[in-house]
Amino acid sequence: MNFKLAHFALLGFAWLSGMVVAVPATASVNIFACEPEWQSLAEALGGDKVKADSATTAFQDPHHIEARPSLIVKARRADLLFCTGAELETGWLPILLERSTNARIQKGKPGYFMAAAQVELIEKPAQVDRSQGDVHADGNPHVHWDPYRLLTIAKAFSGRLQALDSPNSPYYRQRLSTFSSEWQDAISDWEARTASLQGKQAIVYHKNWSYLLNWLGVEIIGDLEPKPGIPPTSAHLTDLLGSARSADPFAILITNYQDEKGANWLSGKAGVPVVSLPFTVGGSEQANSLFALYDQVLARLLQVP
């Protein structure tokens, strides 16, 4: 018996026996998220009124994915697009939007929502040309690693949900209130726990951790990439070794989808530990929500000798 026949058989039995059967409600808003952090936030704010899917996983570089047919189908069905923006998805999202033929989620429509557009970005270059590497003209897009900016984004996204699905506005407002209160409490706890990190120095791979380290008061003294998007070279790593020996970085930070080879070489020469961190929700077994993601990353930083 297939699912539909079984479903109707159950309803028929329930009617004959006088039972009351609760049929699951259908989500009101279908959300296509570009990255797992936005899927997680959408689910936290939308609850059972939304269905959210992410185009990428925590083990993919969101700069570089393909507009696969399966993603086109999901985009075609979406009521609301929730992406980072600031050119993070510029290599694949425009193609996906065009091929989806979904008027609801095109730029300028109510179903088009970019997280980076809701906040002020850091590291905005004075000018951009190809010689600088993979530079984002609008600034650093990795905004989910500033808890204050993330809260601003949450409020704006909840407002968009309420506009698109006004009958459920009270429900969305209540979920935003709960999320905001719990998130602000978490910020206070995180800041108290990480006070010892202020004033430390670190080497990074790419600009992934700029917002996080700015918030924590950790100075970035070097980047494994000679230019954004360019893999580490021998000459550049040698220069970084000199910087590491003259300064006192407590860690070399990489994400779990980046190549560790250059980081491990530098670590072996400079005696600075490599710390591989989940960059987004789902990047580890424990990081199954935004709260858990922050908890785990901060705990790992505090465990560095």
Protein backbone atom coordinates (compact mmCIF):
# COMPACT_ATOMS: atom_id res chain seq x y z
CA MET A 1 0.00 0.00 0.00
CA ASN A 2 1.48 3.36 -0.94
CA PHE A 3 1.61 6.35 1.40
CA LYS A 4 -1.49 8.11 0.05
CA LEU A 5 -3.64 4.97 0.22
CA ALA A 6 -2.42 4.26 3.74
CA HIS A 7 -3.18 7.83 4.75
CA PHE A 8 -6.76 7.70 3.47
CA ALA A 9 -7.27 4.27 5.01
CA LEU A 10 -6.21 5.68 8.38
CA LEU A 11 -8.62 8.58 8.04
CA GLY A 12 -11.44 6.22 7.08
CA PHE A 13 -10.76 4.00 10.09
CA ALA A 14 -10.63 7.04 12.35
CA TRP A 15 -13.98 8.30 11.02
CA LEU A 16 -15.67 4.91 11.54
CA SER A 17 -14.28 4.53 15.07
CA GLY A 18 -14.90 8.11 16.15
CA MET A 19 -11.18 8.80 16.68
CA VAL A 20 -9.71 12.30 16.24
CA VAL A 21 -6.65 12.29 14.00
CA ALA A 22 -4.25 15.24 13.92
CA VAL A 23 -3.01 15.83 10.38
CA PRO A 24 0.35 17.66 10.23
CA ALA A 25 0.01 21.27 9.13
CA THR A 26 1.71 22.35 5.92
CA ALA A 27 4.43 24.99 6.25
CA SER A 28 3.31 28.44 5.15
CA VAL A 29 6.64 29.66 3.76
CA ASN A 30 9.12 27.63 1.72
CA ILE A 31 12.63 29.05 2.27
CA PHE A 32 15.68 28.50 0.09
CA ALA A 33 18.79 29.34 2.14
CA CYS A 34 22.18 29.62 0.51
CA GLU A 35 24.15 28.58 3.61
CA PRO A 36 23.43 26.42 6.69
CA GLU A 37 23.61 29.36 9.11
CA TRP A 38 20.66 31.00 7.39
CA GLN A 39 18.69 27.77 7.23
CA SER A 40 19.22 27.40 10.97
CA LEU A 41 18.18 30.99 11.68
CA ALA A 42 15.11 30.69 9.44
CA GLU A 43 14.03 27.55 11.29
CA ALA A 44 14.59 29.19 14.68
CA LEU A 45 12.47 32.21 13.71
CA GLY A 46 9.88 30.42 11.59
CA GLY A 47 9.28 27.25 13.57
CA ASP A 48 6.72 24.91 12.05
CA LYS A 49 5.39 27.67 9.79
CA VAL A 50 8.42 27.40 7.50
CA LYS A 51 10.28 24.74 5.56
CA ALA A 52 13.92 25.65 4.97
CA ASP A 53 16.63 24.00 2.87
CA SER A 54 20.26 24.99 2.41
CA ALA A 55 21.99 25.01 -0.97
CA THR A 56 25.35 24.26 0.64
CA THR A 57 26.69 22.15 3.47
CA ALA A 58 29.11 23.06 6.24
CA PHE A 59 31.87 21.24 4.38
CA GLN A 60 31.62 23.29 1.20
CA ASP A 61 33.16 26.64 0.38
CA PRO A 62 30.10 28.80 -0.37
CA HIS A 63 32.15 30.85 -2.82
CA HIS A 64 32.40 27.90 -5.18
CA ILE A 65 29.47 25.58 -5.81
CA GLU A 66 27.50 24.60 -8.91
CA ALA A 67 23.95 25.62 -9.76
CA ARG A 68 22.90 21.97 -9.92
CA PRO A 69 19.50 20.91 -11.31
CA SER A 70 18.40 19.82 -7.81
CA LEU A 71 19.07 23.31 -6.49
CA ILE A 72 17.21 24.89 -9.41
CA VAL A 73 14.15 22.79 -8.53
CA LYS A 74 14.31 23.89 -4.88
CA ALA A 75 14.72 27.54 -5.88
CA ARG A 76 11.75 27.25 -8.25
CA ARG A 77 9.52 26.18 -5.36
CA ALA A 78 10.74 28.80 -2.86
CA ASP A 79 8.71 31.66 -1.49
CA LEU A 80 11.70 33.31 0.16
CA LEU A 81 15.43 33.36 -0.66
CA PHE A 82 17.75 33.80 2.35
CA CYS A 83 21.40 34.24 1.37
CA THR A 84 24.49 36.10 2.58
CA GLY A 85 24.95 38.44 -0.34
CA ALA A 86 27.91 40.86 -0.60
CA GLU A 87 29.09 38.81 -3.61
CA LEU A 88 29.65 35.62 -1.59
CA GLU A 89 27.42 33.64 -3.95
CA THR A 90 28.13 35.67 -7.06
CA GLY A 91 29.61 32.70 -8.92
CA TRP A 92 26.43 30.63 -8.84
CA LEU A 93 23.38 32.40 -7.39
CA PRO A 94 22.60 34.63 -10.41
CA ILE A 95 22.58 31.53 -12.64
CA LEU A 96 20.37 29.71 -10.17
CA LEU A 97 17.89 32.57 -9.98
CA GLU A 98 17.71 32.90 -13.74
CA ARG A 99 17.15 29.20 -14.33
CA SER A 100 14.62 28.88 -11.53
CA THR A 101 12.22 31.22 -13.41
CA ASN A 102 10.75 31.98 -9.98
CA ALA A 103 9.56 35.59 -9.98
CA ARG A 104 8.96 35.56 -6.21
CA ILE A 105 12.65 35.40 -5.26
CA GLN A 106 14.25 37.68 -7.82
CA LYS A 107 16.23 40.74 -6.76
CA GLY A 108 13.93 43.57 -5.72
CA LYS A 109 11.05 41.25 -4.84
CA PRO A 110 9.77 40.63 -1.28
CA GLY A 111 11.05 37.06 -1.49
CA TYR A 112 14.67 38.18 -1.98
CA PHE A 113 16.55 38.63 1.32
CA MET A 114 20.31 39.17 1.71
CA ALA A 115 21.74 39.05 5.23
CA ALA A 116 24.74 41.28 4.50
CA ALA A 117 22.46 44.05 3.23
CA GLN A 118 20.99 44.41 6.72
CA VAL A 119 24.23 45.38 8.49
CA GLU A 120 27.39 47.41 8.04
CA LEU A 121 30.27 45.37 6.63
CA ILE A 122 33.94 45.51 7.58
CA GLU A 123 37.04 45.28 5.35
CA LYS A 124 35.46 47.16 2.46
CA PRO A 125 38.26 47.86 -0.06
CA ALA A 126 38.90 51.39 -1.27
CA GLN A 127 39.16 50.04 -4.80
CA VAL A 128 38.86 46.64 -6.44
CA ASP A 129 40.76 45.07 -9.33
CA ARG A 130 41.69 41.53 -10.33
CA SER A 131 45.26 41.89 -9.10
CA GLN A 132 43.93 41.91 -5.52
CA GLY A 133 42.51 38.38 -5.75
CA ASP A 134 38.99 37.36 -4.75
CA VAL A 135 38.06 40.61 -3.01
CA HIS A 136 34.45 41.42 -2.15
CA ALA A 137 33.73 44.97 -3.23
CA ASP A 138 30.96 45.42 -0.66
CA GLY A 139 33.11 44.20 2.24
CA ASN A 140 33.56 41.00 4.22
CA PRO A 141 30.42 38.86 3.80
CA HIS A 142 30.94 36.44 6.72
CA VAL A 143 28.59 38.36 9.01
CA HIS A 144 27.17 35.42 10.95
CA TRP A 145 30.29 35.50 13.12
CA ASP A 146 29.34 38.77 14.77
CA PRO A 147 26.57 37.97 17.28
CA TYR A 148 25.30 41.55 17.31
CA ARG A 149 25.02 41.74 13.54
CA LEU A 150 23.36 38.33 13.52
CA LEU A 151 20.69 39.62 15.88
CA THR A 152 20.06 42.60 13.60
CA ILE A 153 19.70 40.20 10.68
CA ALA A 154 17.31 38.04 12.69
CA LYS A 155 15.05 41.00 13.39
CA ALA A 156 15.03 42.05 9.73
CA PHE A 157 14.34 38.53 8.53
CA SER A 158 11.50 38.08 10.98
CA GLY A 159 10.01 41.29 9.63
CA ARG A 160 10.17 39.87 6.13
CA LEU A 161 8.48 36.66 7.26
CA GLN A 162 5.71 38.69 8.87
CA ALA A 163 5.21 40.69 5.69
CA LEU A 164 5.05 37.60 3.49
CA ASP A 165 2.86 35.58 5.83
CA SER A 166 0.83 38.18 7.72
CA PRO A 167 -1.76 35.75 9.17
CA ASN A 168 1.06 34.17 11.18
CA SER A 169 2.68 37.45 12.25
CA PRO A 170 1.94 36.98 15.98
CA TYR A 171 3.61 33.58 15.86
CA TYR A 172 6.73 35.00 14.19
CA ARG A 173 6.89 37.93 16.61
CA GLN A 174 6.78 35.58 19.57
CA ARG A 175 9.55 33.40 18.16
CA LEU A 176 11.70 36.47 17.47
CA SER A 177 11.17 37.68 21.03
CA THR A 178 12.24 34.32 22.43
CA PHE A 179 15.25 34.05 20.12
CA SER A 180 16.37 37.62 20.85
CA SER A 181 16.17 37.16 24.61
CA GLU A 182 18.06 33.86 24.55
CA TRP A 183 20.65 35.20 22.10
CA GLN A 184 21.35 38.30 24.18
CA ASP A 185 21.76 36.14 27.28
CA ALA A 186 24.16 33.94 25.33
CA ILE A 187 26.21 36.96 24.21
CA SER A 188 26.65 38.03 27.82
CA ASP A 189 27.78 34.56 28.76
CA TRP A 190 30.14 34.24 25.78
CA GLU A 191 31.75 37.61 26.45
CA ALA A 192 32.33 36.76 30.09
CA ARG A 193 33.86 33.38 29.22
CA THR A 194 36.17 34.71 26.49
CA ALA A 195 37.56 37.80 28.23
CA SER A 196 40.96 36.07 28.45
CA LEU A 197 41.24 36.06 24.63
CA GLN A 198 41.32 39.86 24.38
CA GLY A 199 44.67 41.15 23.19
CA LYS A 200 45.82 37.82 21.75
CA GLN A 201 47.06 37.41 18.18
CA ALA A 202 46.17 34.87 15.50
CA ILE A 203 46.94 33.82 11.94
CA VAL A 204 43.98 32.94 9.73
CA TYR A 205 43.20 31.28 6.43
CA HIS A 206 41.11 33.67 4.33
CA LYS A 207 38.92 36.34 5.98
CA ASN A 208 36.46 33.85 7.46
CA TRP A 209 37.08 34.79 11.07
CA SER A 210 37.39 38.58 10.89
CA TYR A 211 34.04 39.34 12.52
CA LEU A 212 34.56 36.76 15.25
CA LEU A 213 38.07 37.94 16.12
CA ASN A 214 37.07 41.61 16.02
CA TRP A 215 34.31 40.83 18.50
CA LEU A 216 36.67 38.87 20.76
CA GLY A 217 39.42 41.49 20.59
CA VAL A 218 41.93 39.16 18.91
CA GLU A 219 44.38 40.74 16.46
CA ILE A 220 44.96 39.11 13.07
CA ILE A 221 48.67 39.31 12.25
CA GLY A 222 48.68 37.27 9.05
CA ASP A 223 46.68 35.35 6.46
CA LEU A 224 47.77 32.06 4.92
CA GLU A 225 46.41 33.33 1.60
CA PRO A 226 48.79 35.77 -0.12
CA LYS A 227 45.65 37.31 -1.64
CA PRO A 228 42.00 36.42 -1.02
CA GLY A 229 41.14 33.20 -2.82
CA ILE A 230 44.80 32.39 -3.66
CA PRO A 231 46.18 29.24 -1.97
CA PRO A 232 49.27 29.61 0.26
CA THR A 233 52.58 29.77 -1.61
CA SER A 234 56.02 28.77 -0.32
CA ALA A 235 57.28 32.35 -0.47
CA HIS A 236 54.27 33.70 1.38
CA LEU A 237 54.47 31.03 4.08
CA THR A 238 58.14 31.87 4.61
CA ASP A 239 57.22 35.52 5.13
CA LEU A 240 54.49 34.46 7.56
CA LEU A 241 57.01 32.38 9.49
CA GLY A 242 59.01 35.51 10.12
CA SER A 243 55.91 37.32 11.36
CA ALA A 244 54.98 34.40 13.60
CA ARG A 245 58.43 34.28 15.17
CA SER A 246 58.53 38.03 15.83
CA ALA A 247 54.98 38.15 17.22
CA ASP A 248 53.22 35.73 19.53
CA PRO A 249 50.14 34.25 17.81
CA PHE A 250 48.25 31.79 19.97
CA ALA A 251 46.76 29.86 17.02
CA ILE A 252 46.47 29.38 13.27
CA LEU A 253 42.74 29.28 12.52
CA ILE A 254 41.29 27.39 9.57
CA THR A 255 37.82 26.16 8.70
CA ASN A 256 36.97 22.51 8.32
CA TYR A 257 36.73 22.76 4.51
CA GLN A 258 40.15 24.36 3.95
CA ASP A 259 43.39 22.57 3.08
CA GLU A 260 45.54 22.13 6.19
CA LYS A 261 48.85 21.63 4.36
CA GLY A 262 50.12 25.21 4.55
CA ALA A 263 48.84 25.67 8.09
CA ASN A 264 50.56 22.48 9.25
CA TRP A 265 53.87 23.53 7.67
CA LEU A 266 53.76 26.90 9.40
CA SER A 267 52.72 25.27 12.67
CA GLY A 268 55.66 22.87 12.56
CA LYS A 269 58.14 25.66 11.92
CA ALA A 270 56.72 28.28 14.28
CA GLY A 271 55.35 26.06 17.04
CA VAL A 272 51.89 27.61 16.78
CA PRO A 273 48.95 25.18 17.00
CA VAL A 274 46.52 24.76 14.11
CA VAL A 275 42.90 24.99 15.21
CA SER A 276 40.34 23.65 12.72
CA LEU A 277 36.89 25.03 13.47
CA PRO A 278 33.39 24.38 12.14
CA PHE A 279 32.51 27.48 10.17
CA THR A 280 28.78 27.03 10.16
CA VAL A 281 25.95 24.92 11.51
CA GLY A 282 26.51 21.25 10.79
CA GLY A 283 30.29 21.60 10.67
CA SER A 284 30.57 19.14 13.53
CA GLU A 285 28.27 16.75 15.31
CA GLN A 286 27.85 19.18 18.19
CA ALA A 287 27.30 22.32 16.10
CA ASN A 288 23.66 21.60 15.30
CA SER A 289 22.37 25.14 15.89
CA LEU A 290 23.74 28.67 15.91
CA PHE A 291 23.93 28.60 19.71
CA ALA A 292 25.81 25.30 19.68
CA LEU A 293 28.10 26.51 16.87
CA TYR A 294 29.21 29.54 18.88
CA ASP A 295 29.54 27.44 22.03
CA GLN A 296 31.83 24.92 20.36
CA VAL A 297 34.04 27.39 18.50
CA LEU A 298 34.57 29.54 21.58
CA ALA A 299 35.26 26.49 23.72
CA ARG A 300 37.91 25.31 21.27
CA LEU A 301 39.60 28.71 21.24
CA LEU A 302 39.70 28.71 25.03
CA GLN A 303 41.26 25.25 25.07
CA VAL A 304 44.31 26.37 23.06
CA PRO A 305 47.33 26.24 25.42
